[in-house]
Protein backbone atom coordinates (compact mmCIF):
# COMPACT_ATOMS: atom_id res chain seq x y z
CA UNK A 1 5.25 -5.23 -4.64
CA UNK A 2 6.54 -6.71 -7.87
CA UNK A 3 5.27 -5.62 -11.30
CA UNK A 4 2.98 -8.66 -11.66
CA UNK A 5 1.34 -7.93 -8.30
CA UNK A 6 0.95 -4.28 -9.31
CA UNK A 7 -0.73 -5.29 -12.56
CA UNK A 8 -3.08 -7.64 -10.71
CA UNK A 9 -3.92 -4.95 -8.15
CA UNK A 10 -4.56 -2.40 -10.90
CA UNK A 11 -6.83 -4.85 -12.71
CA UNK A 12 -8.79 -5.46 -9.52
CA UNK A 13 -9.14 -1.73 -8.81
CA UNK A 14 -10.25 -1.04 -12.39
CA UNK A 15 -12.80 -3.86 -12.21
CA UNK A 16 -14.31 -2.61 -8.95
CA UNK A 17 -14.39 0.98 -10.20
CA UNK A 18 -16.20 -0.18 -13.34
CA UNK A 19 -18.72 -1.99 -11.17
CA UNK A 20 -19.29 1.13 -9.06
CA UNK A 21 -19.62 3.18 -12.26
CA UNK A 22 -22.31 0.81 -13.56
CA UNK A 23 -24.26 0.86 -10.29
CA UNK A 24 -24.06 4.67 -10.06
CA UNK A 25 -25.28 5.00 -13.65
CA UNK A 26 -28.20 2.67 -13.03
CA UNK A 27 -29.18 4.46 -9.82
CA UNK A 28 -28.87 7.86 -11.51
CA UNK A 29 -31.22 6.70 -14.26
CA UNK A 30 -33.75 5.46 -11.67
CA UNK A 31 -33.51 8.74 -9.76
CA UNK A 32 -34.18 10.70 -12.97
CA UNK A 33 -37.20 8.51 -13.69
CA UNK A 34 -38.47 9.12 -10.16
CA UNK A 35 -37.97 12.85 -10.62
CA UNK A 36 -39.96 12.81 -13.87
CA UNK A 37 -42.76 10.77 -12.30
CA UNK A 38 -43.00 12.84 -9.11
CA UNK A 39 -42.78 16.11 -11.02
CA UNK A 40 -46.09 15.33 -12.76
CA UNK A 41 -48.04 15.59 -9.50
CA UNK A 42 -49.35 18.89 -8.19
CA UNK A 43 -48.46 18.21 -4.58
CA UNK A 44 -45.87 20.26 -2.71
CA UNK A 45 -44.33 17.37 -0.75
CA UNK A 46 -44.00 15.25 -3.87
CA UNK A 47 -42.36 18.13 -5.72
CA UNK A 48 -39.87 18.49 -2.86
CA UNK A 49 -39.06 14.78 -3.10
CA UNK A 50 -38.69 15.18 -6.86
CA UNK A 51 -36.08 17.89 -6.35
CA UNK A 52 -34.20 15.60 -3.93
CA UNK A 53 -34.33 12.82 -6.52
CA UNK A 54 -32.95 15.17 -9.15
CA UNK A 55 -30.09 16.14 -6.82
CA UNK A 56 -29.34 12.47 -6.08
CA UNK A 57 -29.29 11.73 -9.81
CA UNK A 58 -26.75 14.50 -10.37
CA UNK A 59 -24.55 13.26 -7.54
CA UNK A 60 -24.68 9.70 -8.81
CA UNK A 61 -23.82 10.97 -12.27
CA UNK A 62 -20.76 12.64 -10.76
CA UNK A 63 -19.75 9.36 -9.05
CA UNK A 64 -20.12 7.57 -12.39
CA UNK A 65 -17.93 10.16 -14.11
CA UNK A 66 -15.24 10.04 -11.40
CA UNK A 67 -15.15 6.24 -11.59
CA UNK A 68 -14.70 6.37 -15.37
CA UNK A 69 -11.81 8.82 -14.95
CA UNK A 70 -10.21 6.62 -12.28
CA UNK A 71 -10.53 3.52 -14.49
CA UNK A 72 -8.64 5.42 -17.19
CA UNK A 73 -5.92 6.46 -14.72
CA UNK A 74 -5.54 2.85 -13.53
CA UNK A 75 -5.26 1.71 -17.17
CA UNK A 76 -2.50 4.29 -17.64
CA UNK A 77 -0.73 2.89 -14.55
CA UNK A 78 -1.01 -0.63 -15.93
CA UNK A 79 0.56 0.47 -19.21
CA UNK A 80 3.41 2.20 -17.35
CA UNK A 81 4.01 -0.93 -15.26
CA UNK A 82 4.07 -3.08 -18.37
CA UNK A 83 6.54 -0.71 -20.06
CA UNK A 84 8.83 -0.85 -17.02
CA UNK A 85 8.59 -4.62 -16.78
CA UNK A 86 9.22 -5.00 -20.48
CA UNK A 87 12.25 -2.72 -20.38
CA UNK A 88 13.89 -4.85 -17.71
CA UNK A 89 13.89 -2.14 -15.08
CA UNK A 90 13.84 -3.19 -11.48
CA UNK A 91 11.09 -1.61 -9.38
CA UNK A 92 12.19 1.38 -7.32
CA UNK A 93 12.23 0.89 -3.55
């Protein structure tokens, strides 16, 4: 894969990770809202569902965080590829 293809692939990966990060953040917010709503009721089954919603919100928050970290790593890769391409180095095989 040449440097231009690597840059394009990195851009695609970063874009998709950002999209996943956005979706996870939105879903986490909805789960937290569900938790808050369900937690107001004095009904055991609803409180159990609320706890599940809270757990889902935490997990989605973790997905969002991991995606943000991966986007940063891909950006670092893109910069390294650009530095190599700009320095006239041939890609290693």
